[in-house]
PDB file of N, CA and C in Angstrom:
ATOM      1  N   MET A   1     151.101  36.475 102.169  1.00  0.00           N
ATOM      2  CA  MET A   1     150.761  35.380 103.012  1.00  0.00           C
ATOM      3  C   MET A   1     151.740  34.238 102.737  1.00  0.00           C
ATOM      4  N   LYS A   2     152.189  33.655 103.813  1.00  0.00           N
ATOM      5  CA  LYS A   2     153.144  32.564 103.701  1.00  0.00           C
ATOM      6  C   LYS A   2     152.749  31.480 104.685  1.00  0.00           C
ATOM      7  N   ALA A   3     152.719  30.264 104.198  1.00  0.00           N
ATOM      8  CA  ALA A   3     152.409  29.146 105.088  1.00  0.00           C
ATOM      9  C   ALA A   3     153.536  28.960 106.094  1.00  0.00           C
ATOM     10  N   LEU A   4     153.168  28.651 107.322  1.00  0.00           N
ATOM     11  CA  LEU A   4     154.155  28.399 108.365  1.00  0.00           C
ATOM     12  C   LEU A   4     154.412  26.905 108.484  1.00  0.00           C
ATOM     13  N   THR A   5     155.628  26.570 108.806  1.00  0.00           N
ATOM     14  CA  THR A   5     155.967  25.178 109.070  1.00  0.00           C
ATOM     15  C   THR A   5     155.888  24.935 110.571  1.00  0.00           C
ATOM     16  N   ALA A   6     155.999  23.698 110.985  1.00  0.00           N
ATOM     17  CA  ALA A   6     155.954  23.361 112.409  1.00  0.00           C
ATOM     18  C   ALA A   6     157.102  24.021 113.179  1.00  0.00           C
ATOM     19  N   ALA A   7     158.203  24.336 112.508  1.00  0.00           N
ATOM     20  CA  ALA A   7     159.357  24.944 113.169  1.00  0.00           C
ATOM     21  C   ALA A   7     159.248  26.470 113.257  1.00  0.00           C
ATOM     22  N   ASP A   8     158.297  27.069 112.552  1.00  0.00           N
ATOM     23  CA  ASP A   8     158.145  28.523 112.562  1.00  0.00           C
ATOM     24  C   ASP A   8     157.531  29.010 113.872  1.00  0.00           C
ATOM     25  N   HIS A   9     157.764  30.275 114.181  1.00  0.00           N
ATOM     26  CA  HIS A   9     157.224  30.901 115.376  1.00  0.00           C
ATOM     27  C   HIS A   9     156.595  32.236 115.007  1.00  0.00           C
ATOM     28  N   LEU A  10     155.620  32.643 115.773  1.00  0.00           N
ATOM     29  CA  LEU A  10     155.037  33.971 115.646  1.00  0.00           C
ATOM     30  C   LEU A  10     155.520  34.806 116.818  1.00  0.00           C
ATOM     31  N   THR A  11     155.948  36.033 116.541  1.00  0.00           N
ATOM     32  CA  THR A  11     156.364  36.946 117.592  1.00  0.00           C
ATOM     33  C   THR A  11     155.465  38.171 117.527  1.00  0.00           C
ATOM     34  N   LEU A  12     154.830  38.498 118.635  1.00  0.00           N
ATOM     35  CA  LEU A  12     153.972  39.671 118.709  1.00  0.00           C
ATOM     36  C   LEU A  12     154.658  40.718 119.574  1.00  0.00           C
ATOM     37  N   THR A  13     154.752  41.932 119.059  1.00  0.00           N
ATOM     38  CA  THR A  13     155.348  43.036 119.790  1.00  0.00           C
ATOM     39  C   THR A  13     154.294  44.116 119.949  1.00  0.00           C
ATOM     40  N   TYR A  14     154.031  44.503 121.185  1.00  0.00           N
ATOM     41  CA  TYR A  14     153.002  45.491 121.450  1.00  0.00           C
ATOM     42  C   TYR A  14     153.635  46.850 121.717  1.00  0.00           C
ATOM     43  N   PRO A  15     153.019  47.932 121.207  1.00  0.00           N
ATOM     44  CA  PRO A  15     153.618  49.261 121.340  1.00  0.00           C
ATOM     45  C   PRO A  15     153.527  49.842 122.754  1.00  0.00           C
ATOM     46  N   THR A  16     152.649  49.312 123.584  1.00  0.00           N
ATOM     47  CA  THR A  16     152.501  49.824 124.947  1.00  0.00           C
ATOM     48  C   THR A  16     152.277  48.650 125.895  1.00  0.00           C
ATOM     49  N   SER A  17     152.254  48.926 127.164  1.00  0.00           N
ATOM     50  CA  SER A  17     152.013  47.870 128.142  1.00  0.00           C
ATOM     51  C   SER A  17     150.525  47.710 128.424  1.00  0.00           C
ATOM     52  N   ALA A  18     149.673  48.381 127.667  1.00  0.00           N
ATOM     53  CA  ALA A  18     148.224  48.240 127.840  1.00  0.00           C
ATOM     54  C   ALA A  18     147.801  46.807 127.529  1.00  0.00           C
ATOM     55  N   GLU A  19     146.613  46.470 127.942  1.00  0.00           N
ATOM     56  CA  GLU A  19     146.085  45.121 127.737  1.00  0.00           C
ATOM     57  C   GLU A  19     145.873  44.836 126.247  1.00  0.00           C
ATOM     58  N   HIS A  20     146.359  43.673 125.780  1.00  0.00           N
ATOM     59  CA  HIS A  20     146.194  43.238 124.390  1.00  0.00           C
ATOM     60  C   HIS A  20     145.810  41.768 124.391  1.00  0.00           C
ATOM     61  N   HIS A  21     145.088  41.345 123.355  1.00  0.00           N
ATOM     62  CA  HIS A  21     144.717  39.938 123.190  1.00  0.00           C
ATOM     63  C   HIS A  21     144.997  39.552 121.747  1.00  0.00           C
ATOM     64  N   ALA A  22     145.419  38.310 121.523  1.00  0.00           N
ATOM     65  CA  ALA A  22     145.682  37.827 120.169  1.00  0.00           C
ATOM     66  C   ALA A  22     145.286  36.365 120.082  1.00  0.00           C
ATOM     67  N   ALA A  23     144.837  35.969 118.900  1.00  0.00           N
ATOM     68  CA  ALA A  23     144.514  34.573 118.623  1.00  0.00           C
ATOM     69  C   ALA A  23     145.032  34.268 117.224  1.00  0.00           C
ATOM     70  N   VAL A  24     145.389  33.030 116.979  1.00  0.00           N
ATOM     71  CA  VAL A  24     145.908  32.621 115.684  1.00  0.00           C
ATOM     72  C   VAL A  24     145.033  31.487 115.161  1.00  0.00           C
ATOM     73  N   ASP A  25     144.585  31.621 113.925  1.00  0.00           N
ATOM     74  CA  ASP A  25     143.791  30.586 113.270  1.00  0.00           C
ATOM     75  C   ASP A  25     144.453  30.230 111.952  1.00  0.00           C
ATOM     76  N   GLU A  26     144.287  28.993 111.523  1.00  0.00           N
ATOM     77  CA  GLU A  26     144.961  28.489 110.320  1.00  0.00           C
ATOM     78  C   GLU A  26     143.948  28.108 109.254  1.00  0.00           C
ATOM     79  N   PHE A  27     144.183  28.578 108.026  1.00  0.00           N
ATOM     80  CA  PHE A  27     143.363  28.226 106.876  1.00  0.00           C
ATOM     81  C   PHE A  27     144.288  27.844 105.733  1.00  0.00           C
ATOM     82  N   SER A  28     143.932  26.828 104.965  1.00  0.00           N
ATOM     83  CA  SER A  28     144.763  26.438 103.828  1.00  0.00           C
ATOM     84  C   SER A  28     144.214  27.065 102.551  1.00  0.00           C
ATOM     85  N   GLY A  29     145.089  27.258 101.563  1.00  0.00           N
ATOM     86  CA  GLY A  29     144.693  27.777 100.263  1.00  0.00           C
ATOM     87  C   GLY A  29     144.607  29.285 100.174  1.00  0.00           C
ATOM     88  N   VAL A  30     144.900  30.006 101.249  1.00  0.00           N
ATOM     89  CA  VAL A  30     144.855  31.468 101.239  1.00  0.00           C
ATOM     90  C   VAL A  30     146.182  31.990 100.715  1.00  0.00           C
ATOM     91  N   THR A  31     146.122  32.903  99.744  1.00  0.00           N
ATOM     92  CA  THR A  31     147.368  33.431  99.176  1.00  0.00           C
ATOM     93  C   THR A  31     147.564  34.929  99.415  1.00  0.00           C
ATOM     94  N   ALA A  32     146.467  35.675  99.630  1.00  0.00           N
ATOM     95  CA  ALA A  32     146.619  37.127  99.813  1.00  0.00           C
ATOM     96  C   ALA A  32     145.371  37.714 100.462  1.00  0.00           C
ATOM     97  N   ALA A  33     145.557  38.807 101.163  1.00  0.00           N
ATOM     98  CA  ALA A  33     144.432  39.578 101.672  1.00  0.00           C
ATOM     99  C   ALA A  33     143.870  40.411 100.526  1.00  0.00           C
ATOM    100  N   ASP A  34     142.568  40.615 100.523  1.00  0.00           N
ATOM    101  CA  ASP A  34     141.930  41.383  99.453  1.00  0.00           C
ATOM    102  C   ASP A  34     141.364  42.697  99.994  1.00  0.00           C
ATOM    103  N   LYS A  35     140.272  42.659 100.734  1.00  0.00           N
ATOM    104  CA  LYS A  35     139.614  43.879 101.233  1.00  0.00           C
ATOM    105  C   LYS A  35     139.418  43.782 102.743  1.00  0.00           C
ATOM    106  N   SER A  36     139.229  44.925 103.399  1.00  0.00           N
ATOM    107  CA  SER A  36     138.995  44.912 104.842  1.00  0.00           C
ATOM    108  C   SER A  36     138.188  46.137 105.250  1.00  0.00           C
ATOM    109  N   ALA A  37     137.635  46.047 106.469  1.00  0.00           N
ATOM    110  CA  ALA A  37     136.908  47.169 107.068  1.00  0.00           C
ATOM    111  C   ALA A  37     136.907  46.971 108.572  1.00  0.00           C
ATOM    112  N   TRP A  38     136.709  48.047 109.326  1.00  0.00           N
ATOM    113  CA  TRP A  38     136.655  47.937 110.782  1.00  0.00           C
ATOM    114  C   TRP A  38     135.840  49.086 111.358  1.00  0.00           C
ATOM    115  N   ALA A  39     135.358  48.875 112.581  1.00  0.00           N
ATOM    116  CA  ALA A  39     134.600  49.908 113.281  1.00  0.00           C
ATOM    117  C   ALA A  39     134.603  49.600 114.773  1.00  0.00           C
ATOM    118  N   THR A  40     134.189  50.571 115.575  1.00  0.00           N
ATOM    119  CA  THR A  40     134.037  50.391 117.019  1.00  0.00           C
ATOM    120  C   THR A  40     132.638  50.851 117.409  1.00  0.00           C
ATOM    121  N   GLY A  41     132.180  50.392 118.587  1.00  0.00           N
ATOM    122  CA  GLY A  41     130.853  50.794 119.014  1.00  0.00           C
ATOM    123  C   GLY A  41     130.661  50.701 120.510  1.00  0.00           C
ATOM    124  N   ALA A  42     129.589  51.289 120.956  1.00  0.00           N
ATOM    125  CA  ALA A  42     129.253  51.358 122.376  1.00  0.00           C
ATOM    126  C   ALA A  42     128.622  50.064 122.857  1.00  0.00           C
ATOM    127  N   ALA A  43     128.641  49.876 124.161  1.00  0.00           N
ATOM    128  CA  ALA A  43     128.012  48.716 124.781  1.00  0.00           C
ATOM    129  C   ALA A  43     126.532  48.656 124.424  1.00  0.00           C
ATOM    130  N   SER A  44     126.031  47.431 124.348  1.00  0.00           N
ATOM    131  CA  SER A  44     124.614  47.154 124.078  1.00  0.00           C
ATOM    132  C   SER A  44     124.139  47.609 122.707  1.00  0.00           C
ATOM    133  N   THR A  45     125.069  47.804 121.765  1.00  0.00           N
ATOM    134  CA  THR A  45     124.695  48.055 120.373  1.00  0.00           C
ATOM    135  C   THR A  45     125.203  46.890 119.548  1.00  0.00           C
ATOM    136  N   PRO A  46     124.490  46.488 118.483  1.00  0.00           N
ATOM    137  CA  PRO A  46     124.966  45.397 117.633  1.00  0.00           C
ATOM    138  C   PRO A  46     126.332  45.760 117.043  1.00  0.00           C
ATOM    139  N   PHE A  47     127.216  44.762 116.943  1.00  0.00           N
ATOM    140  CA  PHE A  47     128.512  45.071 116.328  1.00  0.00           C
ATOM    141  C   PHE A  47     128.419  44.923 114.823  1.00  0.00           C
ATOM    142  N   ASN A  48     129.189  45.760 114.118  1.00  0.00           N
ATOM    143  CA  ASN A  48     129.251  45.718 112.661  1.00  0.00           C
ATOM    144  C   ASN A  48     130.549  46.388 112.238  1.00  0.00           C
ATOM    145  N   SER A  49     131.384  45.635 111.529  1.00  0.00           N
ATOM    146  CA  SER A  49     132.690  46.134 111.090  1.00  0.00           C
ATOM    147  C   SER A  49     132.584  47.197 110.017  1.00  0.00           C
ATOM    148  N   GLY A  50     131.408  47.354 109.410  1.00  0.00           N
ATOM    149  CA  GLY A  50     131.276  48.147 108.206  1.00  0.00           C
ATOM    150  C   GLY A  50     131.588  47.245 107.024  1.00  0.00           C
ATOM    151  N   SER A  51     131.177  47.640 105.858  1.00  0.00           N
ATOM    152  CA  SER A  51     131.347  46.796 104.667  1.00  0.00           C
ATOM    153  C   SER A  51     132.691  47.015 103.998  1.00  0.00           C
ATOM    154  N   THR A  52     133.254  45.931 103.489  1.00  0.00           N
ATOM    155  CA  THR A  52     134.474  46.017 102.687  1.00  0.00           C
ATOM    156  C   THR A  52     134.134  46.645 101.341  1.00  0.00           C
ATOM    157  N   ALA A  53     135.138  47.033 100.600  1.00  0.00           N
ATOM    158  CA  ALA A  53     134.942  47.357  99.193  1.00  0.00           C
ATOM    159  C   ALA A  53     134.609  46.042  98.472  1.00  0.00           C
ATOM    160  N   THR A  54     134.124  46.108  97.266  1.00  0.00           N
ATOM    161  CA  THR A  54     133.771  44.902  96.513  1.00  0.00           C
ATOM    162  C   THR A  54     135.004  44.026  96.300  1.00  0.00           C
ATOM    163  N   THR A  55     134.851  42.743  96.598  1.00  0.00           N
ATOM    164  CA  THR A  55     135.969  41.804  96.463  1.00  0.00           C
ATOM    165  C   THR A  55     136.354  41.622  94.995  1.00  0.00           C
ATOM    166  N   THR A  56     137.600  41.207  94.772  1.00  0.00           N
ATOM    167  CA  THR A  56     138.086  41.078  93.395  1.00  0.00           C
ATOM    168  C   THR A  56     137.862  39.698  92.802  1.00  0.00           C
ATOM    169  N   THR A  57     137.666  38.688  93.643  1.00  0.00           N
ATOM    170  CA  THR A  57     137.423  37.338  93.121  1.00  0.00           C
ATOM    171  C   THR A  57     136.146  36.773  93.739  1.00  0.00           C
ATOM    172  N   ALA A  58     135.575  35.788  93.063  1.00  0.00           N
ATOM    173  CA  ALA A  58     134.300  35.222  93.501  1.00  0.00           C
ATOM    174  C   ALA A  58     134.450  34.274  94.682  1.00  0.00           C
ATOM    175  N   SER A  59     135.562  33.610  94.800  1.00  0.00           N
ATOM    176  CA  SER A  59     135.736  32.619  95.868  1.00  0.00           C
ATOM    177  C   SER A  59     136.730  33.154  96.890  1.00  0.00           C
ATOM    178  N   GLU A  60     136.214  33.588  98.043  1.00  0.00           N
ATOM    179  CA  GLU A  60     137.080  34.151  99.073  1.00  0.00           C
ATOM    180  C   GLU A  60     136.655  33.666 100.459  1.00  0.00           C
ATOM    181  N   LEU A  61     137.608  33.714 101.369  1.00  0.00           N
ATOM    182  CA  LEU A  61     137.356  33.448 102.790  1.00  0.00           C
ATOM    183  C   LEU A  61     137.127  34.805 103.442  1.00  0.00           C
ATOM    184  N   VAL A  62     136.008  34.961 104.128  1.00  0.00           N
ATOM    185  CA  VAL A  62     135.703  36.195 104.844  1.00  0.00           C
ATOM    186  C   VAL A  62     135.951  35.911 106.324  1.00  0.00           C
ATOM    187  N   PHE A  63     136.919  36.602 106.905  1.00  0.00           N
ATOM    188  CA  PHE A  63     137.301  36.381 108.298  1.00  0.00           C
ATOM    189  C   PHE A  63     136.908  37.605 109.109  1.00  0.00           C
ATOM    190  N   GLY A  64     136.086  37.378 110.119  1.00  0.00           N
ATOM    191  CA  GLY A  64     135.650  38.458 110.984  1.00  0.00           C
ATOM    192  C   GLY A  64     136.105  38.228 112.404  1.00  0.00           C
ATOM    193  N   VAL A  65     136.308  39.298 113.131  1.00  0.00           N
ATOM    194  CA  VAL A  65     136.683  39.198 114.543  1.00  0.00           C
ATOM    195  C   VAL A  65     136.069  40.381 115.281  1.00  0.00           C
ATOM    196  N   VAL A  66     135.623  40.104 116.505  1.00  0.00           N
ATOM    197  CA  VAL A  66     135.122  41.175 117.352  1.00  0.00           C
ATOM    198  C   VAL A  66     135.757  41.034 118.729  1.00  0.00           C
ATOM    199  N   GLY A  67     136.220  42.144 119.251  1.00  0.00           N
ATOM    200  CA  GLY A  67     136.701  42.195 120.620  1.00  0.00           C
ATOM    201  C   GLY A  67     135.646  42.914 121.443  1.00  0.00           C
ATOM    202  N   ALA A  68     135.235  42.307 122.554  1.00  0.00           N
ATOM    203  CA  ALA A  68     134.204  42.909 123.398  1.00  0.00           C
ATOM    204  C   ALA A  68     134.738  43.074 124.813  1.00  0.00           C
ATOM    205  N   GLU A  69     134.524  44.244 125.366  1.00  0.00           N
ATOM    206  CA  GLU A  69     134.948  44.532 126.741  1.00  0.00           C
ATOM    207  C   GLU A  69     133.734  44.419 127.650  1.00  0.00           C
ATOM    208  N   GLY A  70     133.700  43.346 128.433  1.00  0.00           N
ATOM    209  CA  GLY A  70     132.579  43.105 129.333  1.00  0.00           C
ATOM    210  C   GLY A  70     131.368  42.581 128.587  1.00  0.00           C
ATOM    211  N   GLY A  71     130.338  42.276 129.331  1.00  0.00           N
ATOM    212  CA  GLY A  71     129.098  41.825 128.720  1.00  0.00           C
ATOM    213  C   GLY A  71     129.134  40.369 128.280  1.00  0.00           C
ATOM    214  N   ALA A  72     128.119  39.995 127.530  1.00  0.00           N
ATOM    215  CA  ALA A  72     127.961  38.621 127.057  1.00  0.00           C
ATOM    216  C   ALA A  72     128.909  38.318 125.902  1.00  0.00           C
ATOM    217  N   SER A  73     129.166  37.039 125.679  1.00  0.00           N
ATOM    218  CA  SER A  73     129.997  36.622 124.546  1.00  0.00           C
ATOM    219  C   SER A  73     129.353  37.064 123.239  1.00  0.00           C
ATOM    220  N   PRO A  74     130.144  37.566 122.297  1.00  0.00           N
ATOM    221  CA  PRO A  74     129.599  37.977 121.006  1.00  0.00           C
ATOM    222  C   PRO A  74     129.024  36.777 120.238  1.00  0.00           C
ATOM    223  N   VAL A  75     127.974  37.041 119.475  1.00  0.00           N
ATOM    224  CA  VAL A  75     127.354  36.047 118.602  1.00  0.00           C
ATOM    225  C   VAL A  75     127.317  36.642 117.202  1.00  0.00           C
ATOM    226  N   PHE A  76     127.913  35.933 116.226  1.00  0.00           N
ATOM    227  CA  PHE A  76     127.947  36.416 114.848  1.00  0.00           C
ATOM    228  C   PHE A  76     126.618  36.187 114.145  1.00  0.00           C
ATOM    229  N   ALA A  77     126.343  37.014 113.150  1.00  0.00           N
ATOM    230  CA  ALA A  77     125.141  36.892 112.336  1.00  0.00           C
ATOM    231  C   ALA A  77     125.163  35.591 111.539  1.00  0.00           C
ATOM    232  N   SER A  78     124.029  35.220 111.027  1.00  0.00           N
ATOM    233  CA  SER A  78     123.871  34.016 110.220  1.00  0.00           C
ATOM    234  C   SER A  78     124.867  33.995 109.061  1.00  0.00           C
ATOM    235  N   GLY A  79     125.368  32.815 108.758  1.00  0.00           N
ATOM    236  CA  GLY A  79     126.313  32.648 107.657  1.00  0.00           C
ATOM    237  C   GLY A  79     127.746  32.483 108.117  1.00  0.00           C
ATOM    238  N   TYR A  80     128.052  32.928 109.315  1.00  0.00           N
ATOM    239  CA  TYR A  80     129.405  32.798 109.858  1.00  0.00           C
ATOM    240  C   TYR A  80     129.545  31.507 110.652  1.00  0.00           C
ATOM    241  N   THR A  81     130.713  30.906 110.595  1.00  0.00           N
ATOM    242  CA  THR A  81     131.076  29.771 111.439  1.00  0.00           C
ATOM    243  C   THR A  81     131.966  30.311 112.549  1.00  0.00           C
ATOM    244  N   ALA A  82     131.498  30.207 113.786  1.00  0.00           N
ATOM    245  CA  ALA A  82     132.256  30.738 114.919  1.00  0.00           C
ATOM    246  C   ALA A  82     133.446  29.831 115.235  1.00  0.00           C
ATOM    247  N   LEU A  83     134.546  30.437 115.609  1.00  0.00           N
ATOM    248  CA  LEU A  83     135.737  29.742 116.090  1.00  0.00           C
ATOM    249  C   LEU A  83     135.803  29.937 117.609  1.00  0.00           C
ATOM    250  N   PRO A  84     136.664  29.202 118.308  1.00  0.00           N
ATOM    251  CA  PRO A  84     136.719  29.354 119.768  1.00  0.00           C
ATOM    252  C   PRO A  84     136.988  30.795 120.200  1.00  0.00           C
ATOM    253  N   ILE A  85     136.294  31.201 121.244  1.00  0.00           N
ATOM    254  CA  ILE A  85     136.425  32.552 121.793  1.00  0.00           C
ATOM    255  C   ILE A  85     137.533  32.567 122.840  1.00  0.00           C
ATOM    256  N   LEU A  86     138.397  33.566 122.748  1.00  0.00           N
ATOM    257  CA  LEU A  86     139.428  33.785 123.755  1.00  0.00           C
ATOM    258  C   LEU A  86     138.830  34.711 124.813  1.00  0.00           C
ATOM    259  N   ALA A  87     138.736  34.224 126.046  1.00  0.00           N
ATOM    260  CA  ALA A  87     138.174  35.028 127.134  1.00  0.00           C
ATOM    261  C   ALA A  87     139.244  35.259 128.186  1.00  0.00           C
ATOM    262  N   VAL A  88     139.484  36.516 128.498  1.00  0.00           N
ATOM    263  CA  VAL A  88     140.416  36.906 129.545  1.00  0.00           C
ATOM    264  C   VAL A  88     139.659  37.865 130.453  1.00  0.00           C
ATOM    265  N   SER A  89     139.416  37.416 131.684  1.00  0.00           N
ATOM    266  CA  SER A  89     138.597  38.186 132.618  1.00  0.00           C
ATOM    267  C   SER A  89     137.237  38.405 131.970  1.00  0.00           C
ATOM    268  N   SER A  90     136.779  39.637 131.847  1.00  0.00           N
ATOM    269  CA  SER A  90     135.481  39.893 131.222  1.00  0.00           C
ATOM    270  C   SER A  90     135.610  40.329 129.769  1.00  0.00           C
ATOM    271  N   ASP A  91     136.823  40.266 129.204  1.00  0.00           N
ATOM    272  CA  ASP A  91     137.056  40.631 127.807  1.00  0.00           C
ATOM    273  C   ASP A  91     137.004  39.383 126.935  1.00  0.00           C
ATOM    274  N   ARG A  92     136.521  39.563 125.700  1.00  0.00           N
ATOM    275  CA  ARG A  92     136.421  38.432 124.780  1.00  0.00           C
ATOM    276  C   ARG A  92     136.930  38.821 123.401  1.00  0.00           C
ATOM    277  N   LEU A  93     137.611  37.882 122.745  1.00  0.00           N
ATOM    278  CA  LEU A  93     138.057  38.030 121.363  1.00  0.00           C
ATOM    279  C   LEU A  93     137.410  36.890 120.601  1.00  0.00           C
ATOM    280  N   ALA A  94     136.466  37.210 119.722  1.00  0.00           N
ATOM    281  CA  ALA A  94     135.666  36.194 119.039  1.00  0.00           C
ATOM    282  C   ALA A  94     135.904  36.238 117.528  1.00  0.00           C
ATOM    283  N   PRO A  95     136.514  35.194 116.961  1.00  0.00           N
ATOM    284  CA  PRO A  95     136.704  35.117 115.515  1.00  0.00           C
ATOM    285  C   PRO A  95     135.627  34.228 114.865  1.00  0.00           C
ATOM    286  N   ALA A  96     135.382  34.455 113.587  1.00  0.00           N
ATOM    287  CA  ALA A  96     134.449  33.631 112.814  1.00  0.00           C
ATOM    288  C   ALA A  96     134.793  33.792 111.340  1.00  0.00           C
ATOM    289  N   TYR A  97     134.297  32.877 110.520  1.00  0.00           N
ATOM    290  CA  TYR A  97     134.585  32.957 109.088  1.00  0.00           C
ATOM    291  C   TYR A  97     133.411  32.451 108.269  1.00  0.00           C
ATOM    292  N   GLN A  98     133.433  32.786 106.997  1.00  0.00           N
ATOM    293  CA  GLN A  98     132.524  32.208 106.020  1.00  0.00           C
ATOM    294  C   GLN A  98     133.260  32.146 104.691  1.00  0.00           C
ATOM    295  N   ILE A  99     132.874  31.195 103.869  1.00  0.00           N
ATOM    296  CA  ILE A  99     133.443  31.065 102.528  1.00  0.00           C
ATOM    297  C   ILE A  99     132.366  31.493 101.544  1.00  0.00           C
ATOM    298  N   VAL A 100     132.696  32.464 100.717  1.00  0.00           N
ATOM    299  CA  VAL A 100     131.722  32.988  99.757  1.00  0.00           C
ATOM    300  C   VAL A 100     132.113  32.574  98.345  1.00  0.00           C
ATOM    301  N   THR A 101     131.120  32.519  97.467  1.00  0.00           N
ATOM    302  CA  THR A 101     131.352  32.084  96.086  1.00  0.00           C
ATOM    303  C   THR A 101     130.886  33.144  95.095  1.00  0.00           C
ATOM    304  N   HIS A 102     130.876  34.395  95.518  1.00  0.00           N
ATOM    305  CA  HIS A 102     130.483  35.502  94.653  1.00  0.00           C
ATOM    306  C   HIS A 102     131.217  36.763  95.101  1.00  0.00           C
ATOM    307  N   THR A 103     131.429  37.673  94.178  1.00  0.00           N
ATOM    308  CA  THR A 103     132.011  38.950  94.561  1.00  0.00           C
ATOM    309  C   THR A 103     130.959  39.760  95.312  1.00  0.00           C
ATOM    310  N   GLY A 104     131.404  40.702  96.089  1.00  0.00           N
ATOM    311  CA  GLY A 104     130.465  41.536  96.831  1.00  0.00           C
ATOM    312  C   GLY A 104     131.163  42.287  97.942  1.00  0.00           C
ATOM    313  N   THR A 105     130.382  42.921  98.788  1.00  0.00           N
ATOM    314  CA  THR A 105     130.888  43.588  99.975  1.00  0.00           C
ATOM    315  C   THR A 105     130.476  42.749 101.177  1.00  0.00           C
ATOM    316  N   PHE A 106     131.321  42.709 102.193  1.00  0.00           N
ATOM    317  CA  PHE A 106     131.072  41.840 103.336  1.00  0.00           C
ATOM    318  C   PHE A 106     131.378  42.577 104.632  1.00  0.00           C
ATOM    319  N   ALA A 107     130.657  42.198 105.696  1.00  0.00           N
ATOM    320  CA  ALA A 107     130.846  42.802 107.007  1.00  0.00           C
ATOM    321  C   ALA A 107     130.785  41.713 108.064  1.00  0.00           C
ATOM    322  N   ALA A 108     131.475  41.930 109.166  1.00  0.00           N
ATOM    323  CA  ALA A 108     131.370  41.072 110.343  1.00  0.00           C
ATOM    324  C   ALA A 108     130.358  41.741 111.261  1.00  0.00           C
ATOM    325  N   SER A 109     129.240  41.064 111.523  1.00  0.00           N
ATOM    326  CA  SER A 109     128.205  41.682 112.338  1.00  0.00           C
ATOM    327  C   SER A 109     127.570  40.653 113.264  1.00  0.00           C
ATOM    328  N   GLY A 110     126.894  41.153 114.273  1.00  0.00           N
ATOM    329  CA  GLY A 110     126.234  40.278 115.235  1.00  0.00           C
ATOM    330  C   GLY A 110     125.859  41.049 116.483  1.00  0.00           C
ATOM    331  N   SER A 111     125.767  40.324 117.606  1.00  0.00           N
ATOM    332  CA  SER A 111     125.340  40.962 118.841  1.00  0.00           C
ATOM    333  C   SER A 111     126.319  40.711 119.981  1.00  0.00           C
ATOM    334  N   THR A 112     126.391  41.683 120.860  1.00  0.00           N
ATOM    335  CA  THR A 112     127.140  41.589 122.104  1.00  0.00           C
ATOM    336  C   THR A 112     126.615  42.674 123.037  1.00  0.00           C
ATOM    337  N   THR A 113     126.902  42.572 124.312  1.00  0.00           N
ATOM    338  CA  THR A 113     126.429  43.605 125.236  1.00  0.00           C
ATOM    339  C   THR A 113     127.552  44.506 125.727  1.00  0.00           C
ATOM    340  N   GLY A 114     128.794  44.175 125.386  1.00  0.00           N
ATOM    341  CA  GLY A 114     129.924  44.994 125.804  1.00  0.00           C
ATOM    342  C   GLY A 114     130.326  45.997 124.738  1.00  0.00           C
ATOM    343  N   GLN A 115     131.160  46.954 125.136  1.00  0.00           N
ATOM    344  CA  GLN A 115     131.769  47.857 124.153  1.00  0.00           C
ATOM    345  C   GLN A 115     132.556  46.997 123.190  1.00  0.00           C
ATOM    346  N   TRP A 116     132.562  47.301 121.888  1.00  0.00           N
ATOM    347  CA  TRP A 116     133.149  46.389 120.904  1.00  0.00           C
ATOM    348  C   TRP A 116     134.032  47.093 119.879  1.00  0.00           C
ATOM    349  N   MET A 117     134.899  46.270 119.269  1.00  0.00           N
ATOM    350  CA  MET A 117     135.745  46.646 118.144  1.00  0.00           C
ATOM    351  C   MET A 117     135.648  45.488 117.152  1.00  0.00           C
ATOM    352  N   ALA A 118     135.221  45.735 115.915  1.00  0.00           N
ATOM    353  CA  ALA A 118     135.026  44.662 114.936  1.00  0.00           C
ATOM    354  C   ALA A 118     135.857  44.920 113.679  1.00  0.00           C
ATOM    355  N   ASP A 119     136.328  43.824 113.080  1.00  0.00           N
ATOM    356  CA  ASP A 119     137.164  43.887 111.885  1.00  0.00           C
ATOM    357  C   ASP A 119     136.764  42.755 110.968  1.00  0.00           C
ATOM    358  N   VAL A 120     136.842  42.986 109.661  1.00  0.00           N
ATOM    359  CA  VAL A 120     136.611  41.929 108.677  1.00  0.00           C
ATOM    360  C   VAL A 120     137.683  42.062 107.598  1.00  0.00           C
ATOM    361  N   VAL A 121     138.157  40.920 107.121  1.00  0.00           N
ATOM    362  CA  VAL A 121     139.113  40.906 106.022  1.00  0.00           C
ATOM    363  C   VAL A 121     138.715  39.770 105.079  1.00  0.00           C
ATOM    364  N   THR A 122     138.801  40.031 103.782  1.00  0.00           N
ATOM    365  CA  THR A 122     138.555  38.965 102.815  1.00  0.00           C
ATOM    366  C   THR A 122     139.903  38.454 102.325  1.00  0.00           C
ATOM    367  N   LEU A 123     139.991  37.157 102.191  1.00  0.00           N
ATOM    368  CA  LEU A 123     141.252  36.509 101.813  1.00  0.00           C
ATOM    369  C   LEU A 123     141.005  35.663 100.578  1.00  0.00           C
ATOM    370  N   ARG A 124     141.900  35.779  99.603  1.00  0.00           N
ATOM    371  CA  ARG A 124     141.731  34.981  98.385  1.00  0.00           C
ATOM    372  C   ARG A 124     142.763  33.895  98.309  1.00  0.00           C
TER     373      ARG A 124
END
């Protein structure tokens, strides 16, 4: 992980011409990624990224994201702070985070009515 300056740029290259969505969020004090998990699911089922392996440090940022195709905007479970949702047509990309003060396993979970893809990463 490297902090970006105002003069830096992000370049995204996609492997196909299929539809893609991206959002960028900024957090200070993050030095490395620790654990992650991801999963996909059918419409009208609660989203859940699956649990990460146990984190290595007690104080970490848990960053979750869910992409939903159609349906209502995703809502994260209690404990997460939602960030602005990127909506393109009926697709949504919803990020959220929480700061934890103990080691453990973590998942990004909540509700949506569209087909979903969820991911969680812990950052130290």
